[in-house]
Amino acid sequence: DESAITGESAPVIRESGGDRSAVTGGTRVLS
């Protein structure tokens, strides 16, 4: 859940080894 940073309610997928591996402090893991 990155809504605290982006303001968008839809969760995003974060995973290793790809272009979606960066996570930001203050965001919350949902699952």
All heavy atoms as atom14 arrays in JSON, in Angstrom:
{
  "sequence": "DESAITGESAPVIRESGGDRSAVTGGTRVLS",
  "atom14_mask": [
    [1, 1, 1, 1, 1, 1, 1, 1, 0, 0, 0, 0, 0, 0],
    [1, 1, 1, 1, 1, 1, 1, 1, 1, 0, 0, 0, 0, 0],
    [1, 1, 1, 1, 1, 1, 0, 0, 0, 0, 0, 0, 0, 0],
    [1, 1, 1, 1, 1, 0, 0, 0, 0, 0, 0, 0, 0, 0],
    [1, 1, 1, 1, 1, 1, 1, 1, 0, 0, 0, 0, 0, 0],
    [1, 1, 1, 1, 1, 1, 1, 0, 0, 0, 0, 0, 0, 0],
    [1, 1, 1, 1, 0, 0, 0, 0, 0, 0, 0, 0, 0, 0],
    [1, 1, 1, 1, 1, 1, 1, 1, 1, 0, 0, 0, 0, 0],
    [1, 1, 1, 1, 1, 1, 0, 0, 0, 0, 0, 0, 0, 0],
    [1, 1, 1, 1, 1, 0, 0, 0, 0, 0, 0, 0, 0, 0],
    [1, 1, 1, 1, 1, 1, 1, 0, 0, 0, 0, 0, 0, 0],
    [1, 1, 1, 1, 1, 1, 1, 0, 0, 0, 0, 0, 0, 0],
    [1, 1, 1, 1, 1, 1, 1, 1, 0, 0, 0, 0, 0, 0],
    [1, 1, 1, 1, 1, 1, 1, 1, 1, 1, 1, 0, 0, 0],
    [1, 1, 1, 1, 1, 1, 1, 1, 1, 0, 0, 0, 0, 0],
    [1, 1, 1, 1, 1, 1, 0, 0, 0, 0, 0, 0, 0, 0],
    [1, 1, 1, 1, 0, 0, 0, 0, 0, 0, 0, 0, 0, 0],
    [1, 1, 1, 1, 0, 0, 0, 0, 0, 0, 0, 0, 0, 0],
    [1, 1, 1, 1, 1, 1, 1, 1, 0, 0, 0, 0, 0, 0],
    [1, 1, 1, 1, 1, 1, 1, 1, 1, 1, 1, 0, 0, 0],
    [1, 1, 1, 1, 1, 1, 0, 0, 0, 0, 0, 0, 0, 0],
    [1, 1, 1, 1, 1, 0, 0, 0, 0, 0, 0, 0, 0, 0],
    [1, 1, 1, 1, 1, 1, 1, 0, 0, 0, 0, 0, 0, 0],
    [1, 1, 1, 1, 1, 1, 1, 0, 0, 0, 0, 0, 0, 0],
    [1, 1, 1, 1, 0, 0, 0, 0, 0, 0, 0, 0, 0, 0],
    [1, 1, 1, 1, 0, 0, 0, 0, 0, 0, 0, 0, 0, 0],
    [1, 1, 1, 1, 1, 1, 1, 0, 0, 0, 0, 0, 0, 0],
    [1, 1, 1, 1, 1, 1, 1, 1, 1, 1, 1, 0, 0, 0],
    [1, 1, 1, 1, 1, 1, 1, 0, 0, 0, 0, 0, 0, 0],
    [1, 1, 1, 1, 1, 1, 1, 1, 0, 0, 0, 0, 0, 0],
    [1, 1, 1, 1, 1, 1, 0, 0, 0, 0, 0, 0, 0, 0]
  ],
  "atom14_positions": [
    [[0.86, -1.19, 0.0], [0.0, 0.0, 0.0], [0.89, 1.23, 0.0], [1.57, 1.53, 0.99], [-0.89, -0.02, 1.25], [-1.73, 1.25, 1.38], [-1.81, 2.01, 0.39], [-2.31, 1.47, 2.45], [0.0, 0.0, 0.0], [0.0, 0.0, 0.0], [0.0, 0.0, 0.0], [0.0, 0.0, 0.0], [0.0, 0.0, 0.0], [0.0, 0.0, 0.0]],
    [[0.92, 1.96, -1.13], [1.74, 3.16, -1.25], [0.9, 4.43, -1.24], [1.36, 5.49, -1.65], [2.58, 3.1, -2.53], [3.59, 1.96, -2.54], [4.54, 2.03, -3.72], [4.22, 2.76, -4.69], [5.6, 1.38, -3.68], [0.0, 0.0, 0.0], [0.0, 0.0, 0.0], [0.0, 0.0, 0.0], [0.0, 0.0, 0.0], [0.0, 0.0, 0.0]],
    [[-0.34, 4.32, -0.76], [-1.24, 5.48, -0.79], [-0.71, 6.64, 0.03], [-0.99, 7.8, -0.27], [-2.63, 5.08, -0.29], [-2.57, 4.6, 1.05], [0.0, 0.0, 0.0], [0.0, 0.0, 0.0], [0.0, 0.0, 0.0], [0.0, 0.0, 0.0], [0.0, 0.0, 0.0], [0.0, 0.0, 0.0], [0.0, 0.0, 0.0], [0.0, 0.0, 0.0]],
    [[0.07, 6.35, 1.08], [0.63, 7.44, 1.89], [1.59, 8.3, 1.08], [1.76, 9.49, 1.37], [1.35, 6.86, 3.11], [0.0, 0.0, 0.0], [0.0, 0.0, 0.0], [0.0, 0.0, 0.0], [0.0, 0.0, 0.0], [0.0, 0.0, 0.0], [0.0, 0.0, 0.0], [0.0, 0.0, 0.0], [0.0, 0.0, 0.0], [0.0, 0.0, 0.0]],
    [[2.19, 7.71, 0.06], [3.14, 8.45, -0.78], [2.48, 8.97, -2.04], [2.62, 10.13, -2.41], [4.35, 7.55, -1.15], [5.0, 6.99, 0.12], [5.35, 8.32, -1.99], [5.56, 8.02, 1.04], [0.0, 0.0, 0.0], [0.0, 0.0, 0.0], [0.0, 0.0, 0.0], [0.0, 0.0, 0.0], [0.0, 0.0, 0.0], [0.0, 0.0, 0.0]],
    [[1.74, 8.09, -2.72], [1.19, 8.46, -4.03], [-0.22, 9.01, -3.95], [-0.67, 9.68, -4.88], [1.16, 7.24, -4.96], [0.23, 6.29, -4.44], [2.53, 6.59, -5.05], [0.0, 0.0, 0.0], [0.0, 0.0, 0.0], [0.0, 0.0, 0.0], [0.0, 0.0, 0.0], [0.0, 0.0, 0.0], [0.0, 0.0, 0.0], [0.0, 0.0, 0.0]],
    [[-0.94, 8.72, -2.86], [-2.33, 9.14, -2.78], [-3.28, 8.2, -3.49], [-4.49, 8.4, -3.49], [0.0, 0.0, 0.0], [0.0, 0.0, 0.0], [0.0, 0.0, 0.0], [0.0, 0.0, 0.0], [0.0, 0.0, 0.0], [0.0, 0.0, 0.0], [0.0, 0.0, 0.0], [0.0, 0.0, 0.0], [0.0, 0.0, 0.0], [0.0, 0.0, 0.0]],
    [[-2.74, 7.14, -4.13], [-3.58, 6.19, -4.85], [-3.88, 4.99, -3.95], [-2.98, 4.45, -3.31], [-2.88, 5.73, -6.13], [-2.58, 6.86, -7.11], [-3.84, 7.53, -7.61], [-4.88, 6.86, -7.68], [-3.79, 8.72, -7.93], [0.0, 0.0, 0.0], [0.0, 0.0, 0.0], [0.0, 0.0, 0.0], [0.0, 0.0, 0.0], [0.0, 0.0, 0.0]],
    [[-5.15, 4.57, -3.92], [-5.57, 3.53, -3.0], [-5.22, 2.13, -3.46], [-5.14, 1.21, -2.65], [-7.08, 3.63, -2.77], [-7.77, 3.52, -4.0], [0.0, 0.0, 0.0], [0.0, 0.0, 0.0], [0.0, 0.0, 0.0], [0.0, 0.0, 0.0], [0.0, 0.0, 0.0], [0.0, 0.0, 0.0], [0.0, 0.0, 0.0], [0.0, 0.0, 0.0]],
    [[-5.05, 1.92, -4.76], [-4.79, 0.57, -5.27], [-3.4, 0.11, -4.88], [-2.42, 0.83, -5.08], [-4.94, 0.55, -6.79], [0.0, 0.0, 0.0], [0.0, 0.0, 0.0], [0.0, 0.0, 0.0], [0.0, 0.0, 0.0], [0.0, 0.0, 0.0], [0.0, 0.0, 0.0], [0.0, 0.0, 0.0], [0.0, 0.0, 0.0], [0.0, 0.0, 0.0]],
    [[-3.27, -1.11, -4.31], [-1.94, -1.62, -3.94], [-1.13, -1.96, -5.17], [-1.67, -2.16, -6.26], [-2.26, -2.87, -3.11], [-3.6, -3.3, -3.59], [-4.34, -2.05, -3.95], [0.0, 0.0, 0.0], [0.0, 0.0, 0.0], [0.0, 0.0, 0.0], [0.0, 0.0, 0.0], [0.0, 0.0, 0.0], [0.0, 0.0, 0.0], [0.0, 0.0, 0.0]],
    [[0.18, -2.03, -5.01], [1.08, -2.37, -6.1], [1.9, -3.59, -5.7], [2.04, -3.9, -4.51], [2.02, -1.2, -6.45], [1.24, -0.01, -6.95], [2.86, -0.81, -5.24], [0.0, 0.0, 0.0], [0.0, 0.0, 0.0], [0.0, 0.0, 0.0], [0.0, 0.0, 0.0], [0.0, 0.0, 0.0], [0.0, 0.0, 0.0], [0.0, 0.0, 0.0]],
    [[2.41, -4.3, -6.7], [3.22, -5.49, -6.46], [4.69, -5.11, -6.43], [5.17, -4.39, -7.31], [2.97, -6.56, -7.54], [1.49, -6.97, -7.55], [3.86, -7.77, -7.31], [1.02, -7.59, -6.25], [0.0, 0.0, 0.0], [0.0, 0.0, 0.0], [0.0, 0.0, 0.0], [0.0, 0.0, 0.0], [0.0, 0.0, 0.0], [0.0, 0.0, 0.0]],
    [[5.38, -5.58, -5.42], [6.83, -5.38, -5.33], [7.48, -6.76, -5.23], [7.05, -7.6, -4.43], [7.18, -4.54, -4.11], [6.74, -3.09, -4.25], [7.64, -2.39, -5.27], [7.24, -1.0, -5.48], [6.48, -0.6, -6.47], [6.02, -1.48, -7.34], [6.18, 0.69, -6.62], [0.0, 0.0, 0.0], [0.0, 0.0, 0.0], [0.0, 0.0, 0.0]],
    [[8.5, -6.99, -6.06], [9.14, -8.3, -6.1], [10.61, -8.15, -6.43], [11.06, -7.1, -6.91], [8.47, -9.2, -7.13], [8.48, -8.64, -8.53], [7.7, -9.5, -9.51], [7.7, -10.73, -9.31], [7.11, -8.96, -10.45], [0.0, 0.0, 0.0], [0.0, 0.0, 0.0], [0.0, 0.0, 0.0], [0.0, 0.0, 0.0], [0.0, 0.0, 0.0]],
    [[11.38, -9.18, -6.17], [12.82, -9.15, -6.41], [13.12, -9.44, -7.87], [12.34, -10.08, -8.57], [13.52, -10.18, -5.52], [13.06, -11.49, -5.84], [0.0, 0.0, 0.0], [0.0, 0.0, 0.0], [0.0, 0.0, 0.0], [0.0, 0.0, 0.0], [0.0, 0.0, 0.0], [0.0, 0.0, 0.0], [0.0, 0.0, 0.0], [0.0, 0.0, 0.0]],
    [[14.26, -8.92, -8.3], [14.78, -9.29, -9.6], [14.15, -8.64, -10.8], [14.4, -9.04, -11.92], [0.0, 0.0, 0.0], [0.0, 0.0, 0.0], [0.0, 0.0, 0.0], [0.0, 0.0, 0.0], [0.0, 0.0, 0.0], [0.0, 0.0, 0.0], [0.0, 0.0, 0.0], [0.0, 0.0, 0.0], [0.0, 0.0, 0.0], [0.0, 0.0, 0.0]],
    [[13.33, -7.61, -10.63], [12.7, -6.97, -11.78], [12.75, -5.46, -11.67], [13.51, -4.9, -10.88], [0.0, 0.0, 0.0], [0.0, 0.0, 0.0], [0.0, 0.0, 0.0], [0.0, 0.0, 0.0], [0.0, 0.0, 0.0], [0.0, 0.0, 0.0], [0.0, 0.0, 0.0], [0.0, 0.0, 0.0], [0.0, 0.0, 0.0], [0.0, 0.0, 0.0]],
    [[11.92, -4.83, -12.49], [11.87, -3.37, -12.49], [10.92, -2.83, -11.43], [10.68, -1.63, -11.36], [11.42, -2.86, -13.87], [12.53, -3.02, -14.9], [13.68, -3.25, -14.49], [12.23, -2.91, -16.11], [0.0, 0.0, 0.0], [0.0, 0.0, 0.0], [0.0, 0.0, 0.0], [0.0, 0.0, 0.0], [0.0, 0.0, 0.0], [0.0, 0.0, 0.0]],
    [[10.35, -3.71, -10.62], [9.44, -3.28, -9.57], [9.94, -3.75, -8.21], [9.2, -4.27, -7.39], [8.02, -3.8, -9.83], [7.42, -3.26, -11.12], [6.03, -3.8, -11.37], [5.48, -3.23, -12.59], [4.78, -2.11, -12.65], [4.56, -1.43, -11.55], [4.3, -1.66, -13.8], [0.0, 0.0, 0.0], [0.0, 0.0, 0.0], [0.0, 0.0, 0.0]],
    [[11.23, -3.55, -8.01], [11.85, -4.03, -6.78], [12.05, -2.94, -5.74], [12.38, -3.24, -4.59], [13.2, -4.69, -7.1], [14.06, -3.75, -7.72], [0.0, 0.0, 0.0], [0.0, 0.0, 0.0], [0.0, 0.0, 0.0], [0.0, 0.0, 0.0], [0.0, 0.0, 0.0], [0.0, 0.0, 0.0], [0.0, 0.0, 0.0], [0.0, 0.0, 0.0]],
    [[11.87, -1.68, -6.11], [12.12, -0.58, -5.18], [10.94, -0.41, -4.23], [9.78, -0.43, -4.65], [12.36, 0.72, -5.94], [0.0, 0.0, 0.0], [0.0, 0.0, 0.0], [0.0, 0.0, 0.0], [0.0, 0.0, 0.0], [0.0, 0.0, 0.0], [0.0, 0.0, 0.0], [0.0, 0.0, 0.0], [0.0, 0.0, 0.0], [0.0, 0.0, 0.0]],
    [[11.23, -0.25, -2.95], [10.2, 0.04, -1.95], [10.58, 1.32, -1.23], [11.76, 1.67, -1.1], [10.03, -1.11, -0.94], [9.37, -2.31, -1.59], [11.36, -1.51, -0.32], [0.0, 0.0, 0.0], [0.0, 0.0, 0.0], [0.0, 0.0, 0.0], [0.0, 0.0, 0.0], [0.0, 0.0, 0.0], [0.0, 0.0, 0.0], [0.0, 0.0, 0.0]],
    [[9.57, 2.03, -0.75], [9.76, 3.33, -0.12], [9.41, 3.27, 1.35], [8.39, 2.67, 1.73], [8.88, 4.39, -0.81], [9.18, 4.4, -2.21], [9.13, 5.77, -0.24], [0.0, 0.0, 0.0], [0.0, 0.0, 0.0], [0.0, 0.0, 0.0], [0.0, 0.0, 0.0], [0.0, 0.0, 0.0], [0.0, 0.0, 0.0], [0.0, 0.0, 0.0]],
    [[10.25, 3.87, 2.17], [9.98, 3.92, 3.6], [8.66, 4.6, 3.89], [8.32, 5.61, 3.29], [0.0, 0.0, 0.0], [0.0, 0.0, 0.0], [0.0, 0.0, 0.0], [0.0, 0.0, 0.0], [0.0, 0.0, 0.0], [0.0, 0.0, 0.0], [0.0, 0.0, 0.0], [0.0, 0.0, 0.0], [0.0, 0.0, 0.0], [0.0, 0.0, 0.0]],
    [[7.89, 4.03, 4.84], [6.59, 4.59, 5.19], [5.43, 3.9, 4.5], [4.27, 4.14, 4.84], [0.0, 0.0, 0.0], [0.0, 0.0, 0.0], [0.0, 0.0, 0.0], [0.0, 0.0, 0.0], [0.0, 0.0, 0.0], [0.0, 0.0, 0.0], [0.0, 0.0, 0.0], [0.0, 0.0, 0.0], [0.0, 0.0, 0.0], [0.0, 0.0, 0.0]],
    [[5.71, 3.05, 3.5], [4.64, 2.28, 2.85], [4.41, 0.99, 3.64], [5.25, 0.57, 4.43], [4.99, 1.96, 1.39], [6.22, 1.2, 1.36], [5.2, 3.25, 0.6], [0.0, 0.0, 0.0], [0.0, 0.0, 0.0], [0.0, 0.0, 0.0], [0.0, 0.0, 0.0], [0.0, 0.0, 0.0], [0.0, 0.0, 0.0], [0.0, 0.0, 0.0]],
    [[3.26, 0.35, 3.41], [2.88, -0.81, 4.24], [2.65, -2.05, 3.38], [1.98, -1.98, 2.35], [1.61, -0.47, 5.02], [1.21, -1.53, 6.04], [0.2, -0.96, 7.03], [-1.03, -0.57, 6.35], [-2.1, -1.36, 6.24], [-2.07, -2.58, 6.76], [-3.18, -0.94, 5.63], [0.0, 0.0, 0.0], [0.0, 0.0, 0.0], [0.0, 0.0, 0.0]],
    [[3.21, -3.15, 3.8], [3.01, -4.43, 3.11], [1.64, -4.98, 3.5], [1.3, -5.08, 4.68], [4.12, -5.42, 3.49], [3.81, -6.82, 2.95], [5.46, -4.95, 2.94], [0.0, 0.0, 0.0], [0.0, 0.0, 0.0], [0.0, 0.0, 0.0], [0.0, 0.0, 0.0], [0.0, 0.0, 0.0], [0.0, 0.0, 0.0], [0.0, 0.0, 0.0]],
    [[0.84, -5.33, 2.49], [-0.52, -5.82, 2.73], [-0.61, -7.32, 2.77], [-1.45, -7.88, 3.49], [-1.46, -5.27, 1.64], [-1.61, -3.75, 1.58], [-2.53, -3.38, 0.42], [-2.16, -3.21, 2.88], [0.0, 0.0, 0.0], [0.0, 0.0, 0.0], [0.0, 0.0, 0.0], [0.0, 0.0, 0.0], [0.0, 0.0, 0.0], [0.0, 0.0, 0.0]],
    [[0.21, -8.0, 1.98], [0.13, -9.46, 1.94], [1.51, -10.04, 1.68], [2.41, -9.36, 1.16], [-0.83, -9.92, 0.83], [-0.29, -9.6, -0.45], [0.0, 0.0, 0.0], [0.0, 0.0, 0.0], [0.0, 0.0, 0.0], [0.0, 0.0, 0.0], [0.0, 0.0, 0.0], [0.0, 0.0, 0.0], [0.0, 0.0, 0.0], [0.0, 0.0, 0.0]]
  ]
}
